[in-house]
Amino acid sequence: MPSEIPLLGLGTWKIAKDKAQEVVYHAIKELNIRHIDCACDYGNEVEVGRGINQAISEGIVTREELW
């Protein structure tokens, strides 16, 4: 895991459920985002998790690289 939280991150509040997986995956893969702000109160945590899992499954990132 990086020693410091990345300055730039992706906020997932208000990302629609039907877009969250795609947005998170794209941010990790194309924009090299490693800091993802998410919470169960946002209501899209399952979909955010799916985007993260997709990136991990494809070998783009490891869990230890993410904040």
C-alpha atoms as a PDB file:
ATOM      1  CA  MET A   1       0.000   0.000   0.000  1.00  0.00           C
ATOM      2  CA  PRO A   2       1.269   3.467  -0.760  1.00  0.00           C
ATOM      3  CA  SER A   3       2.505   5.255   2.346  1.00  0.00           C
ATOM      4  CA  GLU A   4       0.327   8.330   1.754  1.00  0.00           C
ATOM      5  CA  ILE A   5      -3.212   8.746   0.552  1.00  0.00           C
ATOM      6  CA  PRO A   6      -3.263  10.083  -3.011  1.00  0.00           C
ATOM      7  CA  LEU A   7      -4.187  13.757  -3.268  1.00  0.00           C
ATOM      8  CA  LEU A   8      -6.551  13.174  -6.171  1.00  0.00           C
ATOM      9  CA  GLY A   9      -9.480  10.830  -5.685  1.00  0.00           C
ATOM     10  CA  LEU A  10     -12.820   9.839  -7.124  1.00  0.00           C
ATOM     11  CA  GLY A  11     -15.895  10.810  -5.151  1.00  0.00           C
ATOM     12  CA  THR A  12     -18.725   8.348  -5.708  1.00  0.00           C
ATOM     13  CA  TRP A  13     -21.511  10.293  -4.019  1.00  0.00           C
ATOM     14  CA  LYS A  14     -24.376  10.916  -6.439  1.00  0.00           C
ATOM     15  CA  ILE A  15     -23.055   8.550  -9.121  1.00  0.00           C
ATOM     16  CA  ALA A  16     -26.135   6.666 -10.288  1.00  0.00           C
ATOM     17  CA  LYS A  17     -26.197   2.945  -9.535  1.00  0.00           C
ATOM     18  CA  ASP A  18     -26.442   2.087 -13.216  1.00  0.00           C
ATOM     19  CA  LYS A  19     -23.236   4.060 -13.949  1.00  0.00           C
ATOM     20  CA  ALA A  20     -21.135   3.486 -10.826  1.00  0.00           C
ATOM     21  CA  GLN A  21     -19.367   0.279 -11.880  1.00  0.00           C
ATOM     22  CA  GLU A  22     -18.371   1.733 -15.242  1.00  0.00           C
ATOM     23  CA  VAL A  23     -17.232   5.065 -13.761  1.00  0.00           C
ATOM     24  CA  VAL A  24     -15.100   3.447 -11.042  1.00  0.00           C
ATOM     25  CA  TYR A  25     -13.558   0.935 -13.429  1.00  0.00           C
ATOM     26  CA  HIS A  26     -12.748   3.650 -15.974  1.00  0.00           C
ATOM     27  CA  ALA A  27     -11.253   5.904 -13.279  1.00  0.00           C
ATOM     28  CA  ILE A  28      -8.933   3.120 -12.130  1.00  0.00           C
ATOM     29  CA  LYS A  29      -7.978   1.912 -15.603  1.00  0.00           C
ATOM     30  CA  GLU A  30      -7.847   5.073 -17.693  1.00  0.00           C
ATOM     31  CA  LEU A  31      -7.211   7.828 -15.147  1.00  0.00           C
ATOM     32  CA  ASN A  32      -4.965   5.874 -12.751  1.00  0.00           C
ATOM     33  CA  ILE A  33      -7.162   6.820  -9.774  1.00  0.00           C
ATOM     34  CA  ARG A  34      -6.183   4.975  -6.597  1.00  0.00           C
ATOM     35  CA  HIS A  35      -8.210   6.918  -4.013  1.00  0.00           C
ATOM     36  CA  ILE A  36     -11.937   6.174  -4.099  1.00  0.00           C
ATOM     37  CA  ASP A  37     -14.297   7.888  -1.671  1.00  0.00           C
ATOM     38  CA  CYS A  38     -17.275   5.637  -1.039  1.00  0.00           C
ATOM     39  CA  ALA A  39     -19.778   4.940   1.734  1.00  0.00           C
ATOM     40  CA  CYS A  40     -22.850   2.823   2.249  1.00  0.00           C
ATOM     41  CA  ASP A  41     -24.878   6.012   2.720  1.00  0.00           C
ATOM     42  CA  TYR A  42     -24.260   6.821  -0.959  1.00  0.00           C
ATOM     43  CA  GLY A  43     -26.437   3.855  -1.937  1.00  0.00           C
ATOM     44  CA  ASN A  44     -24.130   2.639  -4.698  1.00  0.00           C
ATOM     45  CA  GLU A  45     -21.550   0.691  -2.695  1.00  0.00           C
ATOM     46  CA  VAL A  46     -22.315  -2.632  -4.413  1.00  0.00           C
ATOM     47  CA  GLU A  47     -21.784  -1.140  -7.851  1.00  0.00           C
ATOM     48  CA  VAL A  48     -18.640   0.722  -6.757  1.00  0.00           C
ATOM     49  CA  GLY A  49     -17.329  -2.573  -5.404  1.00  0.00           C
ATOM     50  CA  ARG A  50     -18.057  -4.258  -8.716  1.00  0.00           C
ATOM     51  CA  GLY A  51     -16.002  -1.655 -10.549  1.00  0.00           C
ATOM     52  CA  ILE A  52     -13.118  -2.146  -8.131  1.00  0.00           C
ATOM     53  CA  ASN A  53     -13.405  -5.919  -8.406  1.00  0.00           C
ATOM     54  CA  GLN A  54     -13.404  -5.742 -12.200  1.00  0.00           C
ATOM     55  CA  ALA A  55     -10.154  -3.745 -12.168  1.00  0.00           C
ATOM     56  CA  ILE A  56      -8.567  -6.132  -9.671  1.00  0.00           C
ATOM     57  CA  SER A  57      -9.730  -9.211 -11.609  1.00  0.00           C
ATOM     58  CA  GLU A  58      -8.181  -7.859 -14.800  1.00  0.00           C
ATOM     59  CA  GLY A  59      -4.856  -7.238 -13.044  1.00  0.00           C
ATOM     60  CA  ILE A  60      -5.025  -3.468 -13.494  1.00  0.00           C
ATOM     61  CA  VAL A  61      -4.615  -2.790  -9.775  1.00  0.00           C
ATOM     62  CA  THR A  62      -4.259  -4.688  -6.518  1.00  0.00           C
ATOM     63  CA  ARG A  63      -6.382  -4.075  -3.450  1.00  0.00           C
ATOM     64  CA  GLU A  64      -3.297  -2.914  -1.601  1.00  0.00           C
ATOM     65  CA  GLU A  65      -2.823  -0.056  -4.083  1.00  0.00           C
ATOM     66  CA  LEU A  66      -6.267   1.393  -3.398  1.00  0.00           C
ATOM     67  CA  TRP A  67      -7.425   3.796  -0.714  1.00  0.00           C
END
